[in-house]
Amino acid sequence: MDKSDPKMPADQIIAKFTAKESAFREALNNYTYRRSVKVQTVDDDGKVDGEYYEVTDIAFDSTGRRTEHVIEAPASTLERIQMTPADFSDIEQRLPFVLTQEDAGQYNITYVGKQKVDELDTYVFDVAPKVMEKNHRYFQGKIWVDATDFQIVVTNGKNVPDNTRKGHEDLSPPFVTYRQEIDGKYWFPVYTKGDGILHFPGGRGYLSQDIHIREFLKYTDYKQFKSTVKIIYGGQDISGKGSGSGTPPQQPAPEATPPK
């Protein structure tokens, strides 16, 4: 990690990448793709003893309305945990974390340094919620921002806060999400891995226990939906088709680990 000052003030970098993130979120609303989700519990011997798996196509109907069509969903074998509405909300909204201009005010965004991620030069920022309002979930961790495109390419952290009320526990593991350049313009999420041992304190007849949980998400088959929507960034229309695709960045250096 190069902790020297960036070439431009950090607040200008934040303004640039949050503006790009706003454009990216709008663009994502005009793409179809396939999402696969796998959640596993792992026993003390390192063997999978329960699994939830689902493959969903995110598309549009004839009126242009967003739809989700489940392609594959075998019966869940999870016994020690259950999927909750908060889990599905994390999968849909927070594991593919997007930090827009509209959301940036909710977070303290602190410049950490510069770091190579494969061939990319990136700026690294710590991100943490300023205030955690009741019944809201937030991201806390680090993001890696491409120094040329000013888009997030790697997210590494955790969704907070956990619900630790006895008998109502709702916990989530640390995760890392990688993005890949699609259509030569946008860095879209392509892979997420979550892995951690979660402590459930128990109560109301439930025993206290530590459970090793793994999560895997894949996003594939991105295709731009025919739309008249224009994506404007810096006064220019960037919603036209591009060409080519990048290579997803690999995991950052070992010092960039999820928060504990």
C-alpha atoms as a PDB file:
ATOM      1  CA  MET A   1       0.000   0.000   0.000  1.00  0.00           C
ATOM      2  CA  ASP A   2       1.412   3.372  -1.078  1.00  0.00           C
ATOM      3  CA  LYS A   3       0.144   5.803   1.554  1.00  0.00           C
ATOM      4  CA  SER A   4       1.385   8.938  -0.185  1.00  0.00           C
ATOM      5  CA  ASP A   5      -1.089  11.676  -1.113  1.00  0.00           C
ATOM      6  CA  PRO A   6      -3.018  11.229  -4.367  1.00  0.00           C
ATOM      7  CA  LYS A   7      -2.430  13.446  -7.420  1.00  0.00           C
ATOM      8  CA  MET A   8      -5.688  15.298  -6.781  1.00  0.00           C
ATOM      9  CA  PRO A   9      -7.450  16.112  -3.493  1.00  0.00           C
ATOM     10  CA  ALA A  10      -9.292  13.120  -2.017  1.00  0.00           C
ATOM     11  CA  ASP A  11     -12.605  14.981  -1.978  1.00  0.00           C
ATOM     12  CA  GLN A  12     -12.338  15.464  -5.757  1.00  0.00           C
ATOM     13  CA  ILE A  13     -11.713  11.743  -6.233  1.00  0.00           C
ATOM     14  CA  ILE A  14     -14.760  10.993  -4.070  1.00  0.00           C
ATOM     15  CA  ALA A  15     -16.883  13.416  -6.108  1.00  0.00           C
ATOM     16  CA  LYS A  16     -15.733  11.783  -9.357  1.00  0.00           C
ATOM     17  CA  PHE A  17     -16.287   8.172  -8.386  1.00  0.00           C
ATOM     18  CA  THR A  18     -19.620   8.744  -6.613  1.00  0.00           C
ATOM     19  CA  ALA A  19     -20.865  10.522  -9.758  1.00  0.00           C
ATOM     20  CA  LYS A  20     -19.699   7.539 -11.838  1.00  0.00           C
ATOM     21  CA  GLU A  21     -21.396   5.202  -9.363  1.00  0.00           C
ATOM     22  CA  SER A  22     -24.679   7.080  -9.820  1.00  0.00           C
ATOM     23  CA  ALA A  23     -24.339   6.665 -13.599  1.00  0.00           C
ATOM     24  CA  PHE A  24     -23.428   2.994 -13.115  1.00  0.00           C
ATOM     25  CA  ARG A  25     -26.503   2.310 -10.967  1.00  0.00           C
ATOM     26  CA  GLU A  26     -28.715   3.872 -13.639  1.00  0.00           C
ATOM     27  CA  ALA A  27     -26.966   1.810 -16.323  1.00  0.00           C
ATOM     28  CA  LEU A  28     -27.372  -1.422 -14.344  1.00  0.00           C
ATOM     29  CA  ASN A  29     -31.118  -0.824 -14.372  1.00  0.00           C
ATOM     30  CA  ASN A  30     -30.934  -1.215 -18.156  1.00  0.00           C
ATOM     31  CA  TYR A  31     -29.101  -4.550 -18.229  1.00  0.00           C
ATOM     32  CA  THR A  32     -30.315  -8.130 -17.993  1.00  0.00           C
ATOM     33  CA  TYR A  33     -28.126 -10.719 -16.303  1.00  0.00           C
ATOM     34  CA  ARG A  34     -28.106 -14.051 -14.478  1.00  0.00           C
ATOM     35  CA  ARG A  35     -27.394 -14.266 -10.736  1.00  0.00           C
ATOM     36  CA  SER A  36     -26.490 -17.458  -8.903  1.00  0.00           C
ATOM     37  CA  VAL A  37     -26.494 -17.589  -5.103  1.00  0.00           C
ATOM     38  CA  LYS A  38     -25.005 -20.304  -2.921  1.00  0.00           C
ATOM     39  CA  VAL A  39     -25.042 -20.164   0.896  1.00  0.00           C
ATOM     40  CA  GLN A  40     -23.395 -22.984   2.848  1.00  0.00           C
ATOM     41  CA  THR A  41     -22.846 -23.997   6.444  1.00  0.00           C
ATOM     42  CA  VAL A  42     -19.584 -25.800   7.170  1.00  0.00           C
ATOM     43  CA  ASP A  43     -18.995 -28.244  10.037  1.00  0.00           C
ATOM     44  CA  ASP A  44     -15.940 -28.496  12.305  1.00  0.00           C
ATOM     45  CA  ASP A  45     -14.284 -30.911   9.854  1.00  0.00           C
ATOM     46  CA  GLY A  46     -14.558 -28.430   7.015  1.00  0.00           C
ATOM     47  CA  LYS A  47     -17.381 -30.292   5.269  1.00  0.00           C
ATOM     48  CA  VAL A  48     -20.518 -28.637   3.911  1.00  0.00           C
ATOM     49  CA  ASP A  49     -23.493 -29.773   6.001  1.00  0.00           C
ATOM     50  CA  GLY A  50     -26.184 -27.536   4.512  1.00  0.00           C
ATOM     51  CA  GLU A  51     -26.739 -25.484   1.380  1.00  0.00           C
ATOM     52  CA  TYR A  52     -29.118 -22.975  -0.183  1.00  0.00           C
ATOM     53  CA  TYR A  53     -28.788 -22.553  -3.967  1.00  0.00           C
ATOM     54  CA  GLU A  54     -30.736 -20.473  -6.470  1.00  0.00           C
ATOM     55  CA  VAL A  55     -30.173 -19.260 -10.029  1.00  0.00           C
ATOM     56  CA  THR A  56     -32.247 -16.275 -11.186  1.00  0.00           C
ATOM     57  CA  ASP A  57     -32.517 -14.406 -14.464  1.00  0.00           C
ATOM     58  CA  ILE A  58     -32.923 -10.653 -13.982  1.00  0.00           C
ATOM     59  CA  ALA A  59     -34.764  -9.376 -17.054  1.00  0.00           C
ATOM     60  CA  PHE A  60     -37.636  -7.213 -18.311  1.00  0.00           C
ATOM     61  CA  ASP A  61     -41.169  -8.034 -19.397  1.00  0.00           C
ATOM     62  CA  SER A  62     -42.872  -6.740 -22.538  1.00  0.00           C
ATOM     63  CA  THR A  63     -43.742  -3.462 -20.804  1.00  0.00           C
ATOM     64  CA  GLY A  64     -40.147  -2.831 -19.730  1.00  0.00           C
ATOM     65  CA  ARG A  65     -40.786  -3.695 -16.082  1.00  0.00           C
ATOM     66  CA  ARG A  66     -37.964  -5.408 -14.150  1.00  0.00           C
ATOM     67  CA  THR A  67     -38.589  -9.110 -13.528  1.00  0.00           C
ATOM     68  CA  GLU A  68     -36.878 -12.000 -11.743  1.00  0.00           C
ATOM     69  CA  HIS A  69     -37.321 -15.516 -13.088  1.00  0.00           C
ATOM     70  CA  VAL A  70     -35.988 -18.416 -11.005  1.00  0.00           C
ATOM     71  CA  ILE A  71     -34.156 -20.895 -13.254  1.00  0.00           C
ATOM     72  CA  GLU A  72     -32.956 -23.383 -10.645  1.00  0.00           C
ATOM     73  CA  ALA A  73     -33.811 -23.716  -6.965  1.00  0.00           C
ATOM     74  CA  PRO A  74     -33.338 -27.153  -5.384  1.00  0.00           C
ATOM     75  CA  ALA A  75     -34.747 -27.646  -1.896  1.00  0.00           C
ATOM     76  CA  SER A  76     -32.577 -25.987   0.732  1.00  0.00           C
ATOM     77  CA  THR A  77     -30.651 -28.344   3.022  1.00  0.00           C
ATOM     78  CA  LEU A  78     -29.752 -25.627   5.545  1.00  0.00           C
ATOM     79  CA  GLU A  79     -30.594 -26.769   9.067  1.00  0.00           C
ATOM     80  CA  ARG A  80     -28.467 -24.683  11.414  1.00  0.00           C
ATOM     81  CA  ILE A  81     -29.467 -21.334   9.876  1.00  0.00           C
ATOM     82  CA  GLN A  82     -32.331 -20.023   7.774  1.00  0.00           C
ATOM     83  CA  MET A  83     -32.469 -17.425   5.024  1.00  0.00           C
ATOM     84  CA  THR A  84     -34.183 -14.241   6.232  1.00  0.00           C
ATOM     85  CA  PRO A  85     -35.588 -11.174   4.430  1.00  0.00           C
ATOM     86  CA  ALA A  86     -32.433  -9.310   5.512  1.00  0.00           C
ATOM     87  CA  ASP A  87     -30.279 -11.967   3.824  1.00  0.00           C
ATOM     88  CA  PHE A  88     -32.154 -11.594   0.535  1.00  0.00           C
ATOM     89  CA  SER A  89     -31.983  -7.812   0.816  1.00  0.00           C
ATOM     90  CA  ASP A  90     -28.200  -8.048   1.286  1.00  0.00           C
ATOM     91  CA  ILE A  91     -27.942 -10.295  -1.792  1.00  0.00           C
ATOM     92  CA  GLU A  92     -29.964  -7.926  -3.954  1.00  0.00           C
ATOM     93  CA  GLN A  93     -28.723  -4.560  -2.713  1.00  0.00           C
ATOM     94  CA  ARG A  94     -25.602  -4.598  -0.543  1.00  0.00           C
ATOM     95  CA  LEU A  95     -23.278  -7.376  -1.717  1.00  0.00           C
ATOM     96  CA  PRO A  96     -23.062  -5.610  -5.120  1.00  0.00           C
ATOM     97  CA  PHE A  97     -22.326  -2.407  -3.164  1.00  0.00           C
ATOM     98  CA  VAL A  98     -22.804   0.856  -5.069  1.00  0.00           C
ATOM     99  CA  LEU A  99     -21.729   4.141  -3.467  1.00  0.00           C
ATOM    100  CA  THR A 100     -23.613   6.893  -5.309  1.00  0.00           C
ATOM    101  CA  GLN A 101     -23.686  10.653  -4.848  1.00  0.00           C
ATOM    102  CA  GLU A 102     -27.090  10.215  -3.224  1.00  0.00           C
ATOM    103  CA  ASP A 103     -25.789   7.720  -0.651  1.00  0.00           C
ATOM    104  CA  ALA A 104     -22.332   9.168  -0.014  1.00  0.00           C
ATOM    105  CA  GLY A 105     -23.618  11.564   2.656  1.00  0.00           C
ATOM    106  CA  GLN A 106     -24.486   8.603   4.881  1.00  0.00           C
ATOM    107  CA  TYR A 107     -20.833   7.512   5.076  1.00  0.00           C
ATOM    108  CA  ASN A 108     -17.445   8.653   6.307  1.00  0.00           C
ATOM    109  CA  ILE A 109     -15.204   8.074   3.274  1.00  0.00           C
ATOM    110  CA  THR A 110     -11.504   8.270   4.161  1.00  0.00           C
ATOM    111  CA  TYR A 111      -8.580   8.064   1.761  1.00  0.00           C
ATOM    112  CA  VAL A 112      -6.126   5.280   2.709  1.00  0.00           C
ATOM    113  CA  GLY A 113      -3.616   5.116  -0.127  1.00  0.00           C
ATOM    114  CA  LYS A 114      -2.812   3.803  -3.600  1.00  0.00           C
ATOM    115  CA  GLN A 115      -2.507   0.137  -4.527  1.00  0.00           C
ATOM    116  CA  LYS A 116      -2.069  -2.028  -7.614  1.00  0.00           C
ATOM    117  CA  VAL A 117      -4.875  -4.507  -8.265  1.00  0.00           C
ATOM    118  CA  ASP A 118      -3.538  -6.649 -11.082  1.00  0.00           C
ATOM    119  CA  GLU A 119      -2.698  -4.133 -13.826  1.00  0.00           C
ATOM    120  CA  LEU A 120      -4.973  -1.443 -12.392  1.00  0.00           C
ATOM    121  CA  ASP A 121      -3.827   1.569 -10.394  1.00  0.00           C
ATOM    122  CA  THR A 122      -6.419   2.165  -7.694  1.00  0.00           C
ATOM    123  CA  TYR A 123      -7.224   4.516  -4.852  1.00  0.00           C
ATOM    124  CA  VAL A 124      -8.209   2.816  -1.592  1.00  0.00           C
ATOM    125  CA  PHE A 125     -10.818   4.267   0.759  1.00  0.00           C
ATOM    126  CA  ASP A 126     -12.211   3.259   4.143  1.00  0.00           C
ATOM    127  CA  VAL A 127     -16.011   3.467   4.198  1.00  0.00           C
ATOM    128  CA  ALA A 128     -18.099   3.482   7.370  1.00  0.00           C
ATOM    129  CA  PRO A 129     -21.646   4.681   8.167  1.00  0.00           C
ATOM    130  CA  LYS A 130     -21.852   8.001   9.996  1.00  0.00           C
ATOM    131  CA  VAL A 131     -24.983   6.982  11.875  1.00  0.00           C
ATOM    132  CA  MET A 132     -26.803   3.655  11.849  1.00  0.00           C
ATOM    133  CA  GLU A 133     -30.521   4.274  11.789  1.00  0.00           C
ATOM    134  CA  LYS A 134     -32.932   1.665  13.070  1.00  0.00           C
ATOM    135  CA  ASN A 135     -34.018  -0.952  10.523  1.00  0.00           C
ATOM    136  CA  HIS A 136     -31.368   0.134   8.018  1.00  0.00           C
ATOM    137  CA  ARG A 137     -28.333  -1.817   6.836  1.00  0.00           C
ATOM    138  CA  TYR A 138     -25.046  -0.293   5.706  1.00  0.00           C
ATOM    139  CA  PHE A 139     -21.664  -1.262   4.298  1.00  0.00           C
ATOM    140  CA  GLN A 140     -18.482  -0.979   6.334  1.00  0.00           C
ATOM    141  CA  GLY A 141     -15.041  -1.792   4.956  1.00  0.00           C
ATOM    142  CA  LYS A 142     -12.751  -0.787   2.077  1.00  0.00           C
ATOM    143  CA  ILE A 143     -13.268  -0.002  -1.582  1.00  0.00           C
ATOM    144  CA  TRP A 144     -10.725   0.080  -4.423  1.00  0.00           C
ATOM    145  CA  VAL A 145     -11.427   2.770  -7.060  1.00  0.00           C
ATOM    146  CA  ASP A 146      -9.840   2.624 -10.511  1.00  0.00           C
ATOM    147  CA  ALA A 147      -7.592   5.672 -10.837  1.00  0.00           C
ATOM    148  CA  THR A 148      -8.496   6.160 -14.511  1.00  0.00           C
ATOM    149  CA  ASP A 149     -12.197   5.309 -14.782  1.00  0.00           C
ATOM    150  CA  PHE A 150     -13.083   6.403 -11.217  1.00  0.00           C
ATOM    151  CA  GLN A 151     -15.295   3.367 -10.640  1.00  0.00           C
ATOM    152  CA  ILE A 152     -15.236   0.852  -7.792  1.00  0.00           C
ATOM    153  CA  VAL A 153     -13.517  -2.375  -8.866  1.00  0.00           C
ATOM    154  CA  VAL A 154     -13.267  -4.238  -5.532  1.00  0.00           C
ATOM    155  CA  THR A 155     -15.351  -4.036  -2.343  1.00  0.00           C
ATOM    156  CA  ASN A 156     -14.151  -5.736   0.844  1.00  0.00           C
ATOM    157  CA  GLY A 157     -16.056  -5.482   4.107  1.00  0.00           C
ATOM    158  CA  LYS A 158     -19.260  -6.339   5.929  1.00  0.00           C
ATOM    159  CA  ASN A 159     -22.913  -5.397   6.083  1.00  0.00           C
ATOM    160  CA  VAL A 160     -23.785  -3.758   9.415  1.00  0.00           C
ATOM    161  CA  PRO A 161     -25.285  -3.771  11.941  1.00  0.00           C
ATOM    162  CA  ASP A 162     -25.832  -7.413  12.873  1.00  0.00           C
ATOM    163  CA  ASN A 163     -28.977  -8.170  14.822  1.00  0.00           C
ATOM    164  CA  THR A 164     -27.726  -9.875  17.993  1.00  0.00           C
ATOM    165  CA  ARG A 165     -30.972  -9.922  19.970  1.00  0.00           C
ATOM    166  CA  LYS A 166     -31.358 -13.335  21.557  1.00  0.00           C
ATOM    167  CA  GLY A 167     -33.741 -15.455  19.556  1.00  0.00           C
ATOM    168  CA  HIS A 168     -33.777 -12.902  16.722  1.00  0.00           C
ATOM    169  CA  GLU A 169     -30.174 -13.174  15.540  1.00  0.00           C
ATOM    170  CA  ASP A 170     -29.526 -12.038  11.983  1.00  0.00           C
ATOM    171  CA  LEU A 171     -25.810 -12.052  11.192  1.00  0.00           C
ATOM    172  CA  SER A 172     -23.742 -11.846   8.014  1.00  0.00           C
ATOM    173  CA  PRO A 173     -20.119 -12.768   7.201  1.00  0.00           C
ATOM    174  CA  PRO A 174     -17.401 -10.495   5.787  1.00  0.00           C
ATOM    175  CA  PHE A 175     -17.328 -10.521   1.985  1.00  0.00           C
ATOM    176  CA  VAL A 176     -15.370  -9.353  -1.044  1.00  0.00           C
ATOM    177  CA  THR A 177     -17.004  -8.390  -4.363  1.00  0.00           C
ATOM    178  CA  TYR A 178     -15.101  -8.107  -7.629  1.00  0.00           C
ATOM    179  CA  ARG A 179     -16.232  -6.133 -10.651  1.00  0.00           C
ATOM    180  CA  GLN A 180     -15.423  -6.505 -14.347  1.00  0.00           C
ATOM    181  CA  GLU A 181     -15.601  -3.972 -17.162  1.00  0.00           C
ATOM    182  CA  ILE A 182     -18.677  -4.588 -19.343  1.00  0.00           C
ATOM    183  CA  ASP A 183     -19.248  -2.984 -22.767  1.00  0.00           C
ATOM    184  CA  GLY A 184     -16.090  -0.958 -22.326  1.00  0.00           C
ATOM    185  CA  LYS A 185     -17.793   1.507 -19.961  1.00  0.00           C
ATOM    186  CA  TYR A 186     -19.054   0.130 -16.655  1.00  0.00           C
ATOM    187  CA  TRP A 187     -17.478  -2.012 -13.969  1.00  0.00           C
ATOM    188  CA  PHE A 188     -20.273  -4.448 -13.026  1.00  0.00           C
ATOM    189  CA  PRO A 189     -20.147  -6.986 -10.155  1.00  0.00           C
ATOM    190  CA  VAL A 190     -19.211 -10.467 -11.360  1.00  0.00           C
ATOM    191  CA  TYR A 191     -18.279 -12.428  -8.227  1.00  0.00           C
ATOM    192  CA  THR A 192     -18.804 -12.219  -4.472  1.00  0.00           C
ATOM    193  CA  LYS A 193     -17.412 -14.477  -1.781  1.00  0.00           C
ATOM    194  CA  GLY A 194     -18.402 -14.251   1.882  1.00  0.00           C
ATOM    195  CA  ASP A 195     -16.732 -16.369   4.547  1.00  0.00           C
ATOM    196  CA  GLY A 196     -16.847 -16.166   8.328  1.00  0.00           C
ATOM    197  CA  ILE A 197     -17.679 -17.816  11.636  1.00  0.00           C
ATOM    198  CA  LEU A 198     -20.768 -16.182  13.098  1.00  0.00           C
ATOM    199  CA  HIS A 199     -21.578 -16.266  16.798  1.00  0.00           C
ATOM    200  CA  PHE A 200     -25.245 -16.822  17.634  1.00  0.00           C
ATOM    201  CA  PRO A 201     -25.661 -16.119  21.381  1.00  0.00           C
ATOM    202  CA  GLY A 202     -28.938 -18.063  21.615  1.00  0.00           C
ATOM    203  CA  GLY A 203     -31.830 -17.471  23.968  1.00  0.00           C
ATOM    204  CA  ARG A 204     -35.512 -18.415  24.220  1.00  0.00           C
ATOM    205  CA  GLY A 205     -34.720 -22.087  23.891  1.00  0.00           C
ATOM    206  CA  TYR A 206     -31.899 -21.645  21.361  1.00  0.00           C
ATOM    207  CA  LEU A 207     -28.378 -22.780  22.247  1.00  0.00           C
ATOM    208  CA  SER A 208     -25.405 -20.492  21.776  1.00  0.00           C
ATOM    209  CA  GLN A 209     -23.302 -21.631  18.827  1.00  0.00           C
ATOM    210  CA  ASP A 210     -20.644 -20.580  16.345  1.00  0.00           C
ATOM    211  CA  ILE A 211     -21.487 -21.391  12.724  1.00  0.00           C
ATOM    212  CA  HIS A 212     -19.087 -21.250   9.790  1.00  0.00           C
ATOM    213  CA  ILE A 213     -20.916 -19.730   6.813  1.00  0.00           C
ATOM    214  CA  ARG A 214     -19.804 -19.331   3.198  1.00  0.00           C
ATOM    215  CA  GLU A 215     -21.575 -17.332   0.470  1.00  0.00           C
ATOM    216  CA  PHE A 216     -20.883 -17.349  -3.269  1.00  0.00           C
ATOM    217  CA  LEU A 217     -22.582 -15.085  -5.810  1.00  0.00           C
ATOM    218  CA  LYS A 218     -21.936 -14.991  -9.536  1.00  0.00           C
ATOM    219  CA  TYR A 219     -23.301 -12.453 -12.015  1.00  0.00           C
ATOM    220  CA  THR A 220     -23.105 -13.505 -15.681  1.00  0.00           C
ATOM    221  CA  ASP A 221     -24.573 -12.872 -19.147  1.00  0.00           C
ATOM    222  CA  TYR A 222     -24.863  -9.095 -18.892  1.00  0.00           C
ATOM    223  CA  LYS A 223     -26.814  -7.767 -21.866  1.00  0.00           C
ATOM    224  CA  GLN A 224     -28.003  -4.229 -22.464  1.00  0.00           C
ATOM    225  CA  PHE A 225     -31.779  -3.957 -22.668  1.00  0.00           C
ATOM    226  CA  LYS A 226     -33.126  -1.939 -25.578  1.00  0.00           C
ATOM    227  CA  SER A 227     -33.987   1.339 -23.927  1.00  0.00           C
ATOM    228  CA  THR A 228     -34.373   5.019 -24.700  1.00  0.00           C
ATOM    229  CA  VAL A 229     -32.878   5.980 -21.331  1.00  0.00           C
ATOM    230  CA  LYS A 230     -29.776   8.160 -21.586  1.00  0.00           C
ATOM    231  CA  ILE A 231     -26.996   8.001 -18.989  1.00  0.00           C
ATOM    232  CA  ILE A 232     -25.386  11.413 -18.592  1.00  0.00           C
ATOM    233  CA  TYR A 233     -21.991  11.830 -16.915  1.00  0.00           C
ATOM    234  CA  GLY A 234     -19.964  15.040 -17.072  1.00  0.00           C
ATOM    235  CA  GLY A 235     -22.451  16.509 -19.552  1.00  0.00           C
ATOM    236  CA  GLN A 236     -21.908  13.652 -22.037  1.00  0.00           C
ATOM    237  CA  ASP A 237     -24.173  10.774 -23.066  1.00  0.00           C
ATOM    238  CA  ILE A 238     -22.319   7.576 -22.053  1.00  0.00           C
ATOM    239  CA  SER A 239     -25.251   5.214 -22.545  1.00  0.00           C
ATOM    240  CA  GLY A 240     -24.344   4.122 -26.065  1.00  0.00           C
ATOM    241  CA  LYS A 241     -22.917   0.667 -26.702  1.00  0.00           C
ATOM    242  CA  GLY A 242     -19.238   0.101 -26.127  1.00  0.00           C
ATOM    243  CA  SER A 243     -17.084  -2.837 -27.059  1.00  0.00           C
ATOM    244  CA  GLY A 244     -14.876  -5.319 -25.370  1.00  0.00           C
ATOM    245  CA  SER A 245     -14.712  -6.354 -21.740  1.00  0.00           C
ATOM    246  CA  GLY A 246     -12.070  -6.181 -19.102  1.00  0.00           C
ATOM    247  CA  THR A 247     -10.651  -8.835 -16.842  1.00  0.00           C
ATOM    248  CA  PRO A 248     -11.954  -9.014 -13.288  1.00  0.00           C
ATOM    249  CA  PRO A 249      -9.334  -7.842 -10.805  1.00  0.00           C
ATOM    250  CA  GLN A 250      -7.847 -10.346  -8.411  1.00  0.00           C
ATOM    251  CA  GLN A 251      -7.931 -10.070  -4.628  1.00  0.00           C
ATOM    252  CA  PRO A 252      -5.885  -7.147  -3.287  1.00  0.00           C
ATOM    253  CA  ALA A 253      -2.711  -7.611  -1.317  1.00  0.00           C
ATOM    254  CA  PRO A 254      -2.969  -9.556   1.972  1.00  0.00           C
ATOM    255  CA  GLU A 255      -2.875  -6.383   4.073  1.00  0.00           C
ATOM    256  CA  ALA A 256      -6.297  -5.445   2.700  1.00  0.00           C
ATOM    257  CA  THR A 257      -8.382  -7.790   4.812  1.00  0.00           C
ATOM    258  CA  PRO A 258     -12.029  -7.549   5.864  1.00  0.00           C
ATOM    259  CA  PRO A 259     -12.763  -5.734   9.121  1.00  0.00           C
ATOM    260  CA  LYS A 260     -13.131  -7.876  12.224  1.00  0.00           C
END
